Amino acid sequence: MTDATAASTANVVDVRSLVPAQRHAKIFQLVNELAPGASFILVNDHDPKPLYYQLEAEYPKQFSWTYRERGPEVWRVEIGKLAQTA
């Protein structure tokens, strides 16, 4: 599967309509629910880089983070749960 195919089949979660205080809680809920190897596209109105650091603190080396679009008005990041290794 190519990156383009993976991105097109991932769930898209647009948090721009949520108040800022609810965004991280929603995103952490989604990350917790991800099956290994699954991902979703986060759509936000600013660079969610601080979220990356929070996820890395909570789930070190357990997720992927790939920018699909980098503003200036919309950011899209594919967040995935890494498949567990044997």
Protein backbone atom coordinates (compact mmCIF):
# COMPACT_ATOMS: atom_id res chain seq x y z
CA MET A 1 0.00 0.00 0.00
CA THR A 2 1.40 3.40 -0.94
CA ASP A 3 1.42 6.43 1.36
CA ALA A 4 -1.33 8.02 -0.76
CA THR A 5 -3.51 4.92 -0.45
CA ALA A 6 -2.91 4.69 3.30
CA ALA A 7 -3.81 8.34 3.75
CA SER A 8 -6.99 8.02 1.71
CA THR A 9 -8.22 5.06 3.76
CA ALA A 10 -7.41 6.57 7.16
CA ASN A 11 -10.15 8.14 9.28
CA VAL A 12 -10.18 11.94 9.17
CA VAL A 13 -10.73 13.76 12.45
CA ASP A 14 -11.29 17.51 12.15
CA VAL A 15 -10.91 19.11 15.60
CA ARG A 16 -11.29 22.71 14.42
CA SER A 17 -14.92 22.81 15.57
CA LEU A 18 -14.00 21.76 19.13
CA VAL A 19 -13.06 24.31 21.76
CA PRO A 20 -9.30 24.14 22.39
CA ALA A 21 -9.75 22.64 25.86
CA GLN A 22 -11.51 19.59 24.32
CA ARG A 23 -9.13 18.94 21.43
CA HIS A 24 -6.33 17.10 23.21
CA ALA A 25 -8.75 14.96 25.23
CA LYS A 26 -10.48 13.88 22.00
CA ILE A 27 -7.18 13.15 20.25
CA PHE A 28 -5.84 11.11 23.19
CA GLN A 29 -9.10 9.13 23.21
CA LEU A 30 -8.64 8.34 19.52
CA VAL A 31 -5.00 7.33 19.98
CA ASN A 32 -6.01 5.02 22.85
CA GLU A 33 -8.62 3.37 20.61
CA LEU A 34 -6.27 2.80 17.66
CA ALA A 35 -5.43 -0.78 16.78
CA PRO A 36 -1.76 -1.50 16.04
CA GLY A 37 -1.05 -0.52 12.45
CA ALA A 38 -4.11 1.78 12.23
CA SER A 39 -4.03 5.56 11.83
CA PHE A 40 -6.15 8.67 11.47
CA ILE A 41 -5.67 12.07 9.87
CA LEU A 42 -5.84 14.95 12.34
CA VAL A 43 -7.08 18.24 10.82
CA ASN A 44 -6.28 21.35 12.86
CA ASP A 45 -6.11 25.13 12.47
CA HIS A 46 -2.54 25.41 13.80
CA ASP A 47 0.59 23.30 13.91
CA PRO A 48 -0.14 20.59 16.50
CA LYS A 49 3.56 20.11 17.35
CA PRO A 50 2.95 20.49 21.15
CA LEU A 51 0.59 17.52 20.86
CA TYR A 52 3.44 15.48 19.37
CA TYR A 53 5.50 16.07 22.50
CA GLN A 54 2.57 15.12 24.75
CA LEU A 55 1.99 11.91 22.80
CA GLU A 56 5.69 11.06 22.92
CA ALA A 57 5.67 11.53 26.71
CA GLU A 58 2.60 9.29 27.14
CA TYR A 59 3.36 6.72 24.41
CA PRO A 60 7.12 6.73 23.80
CA LYS A 61 8.03 5.12 20.46
CA GLN A 62 4.49 3.74 20.06
CA PHE A 63 3.05 6.04 17.40
CA SER A 64 3.88 7.57 14.03
CA TRP A 65 3.49 11.26 13.14
CA THR A 66 3.51 12.30 9.49
CA TYR A 67 2.64 15.78 8.26
CA ARG A 68 0.34 15.65 5.21
CA GLU A 69 -0.26 19.42 5.00
CA ARG A 70 1.57 22.24 6.81
CA GLY A 71 -0.65 25.34 6.89
CA PRO A 72 -0.78 28.21 6.88
CA GLU A 73 -4.53 27.78 7.47
CA VAL A 74 -4.92 24.00 7.76
CA TRP A 75 -2.60 21.35 9.14
CA ARG A 76 -3.12 17.65 8.47
CA VAL A 77 -1.12 15.07 10.40
CA GLU A 78 -1.42 11.33 10.09
CA ILE A 79 -1.12 9.78 13.55
CA GLY A 80 -0.75 6.02 13.71
CA LYS A 81 -0.19 3.35 16.31
CA LEU A 82 2.90 1.37 15.47
CA ALA A 83 2.46 -2.36 15.02
CA GLN A 84 3.90 -4.29 17.92
CA THR A 85 7.11 -6.13 17.20
CA ALA A 86 7.73 -9.68 18.29
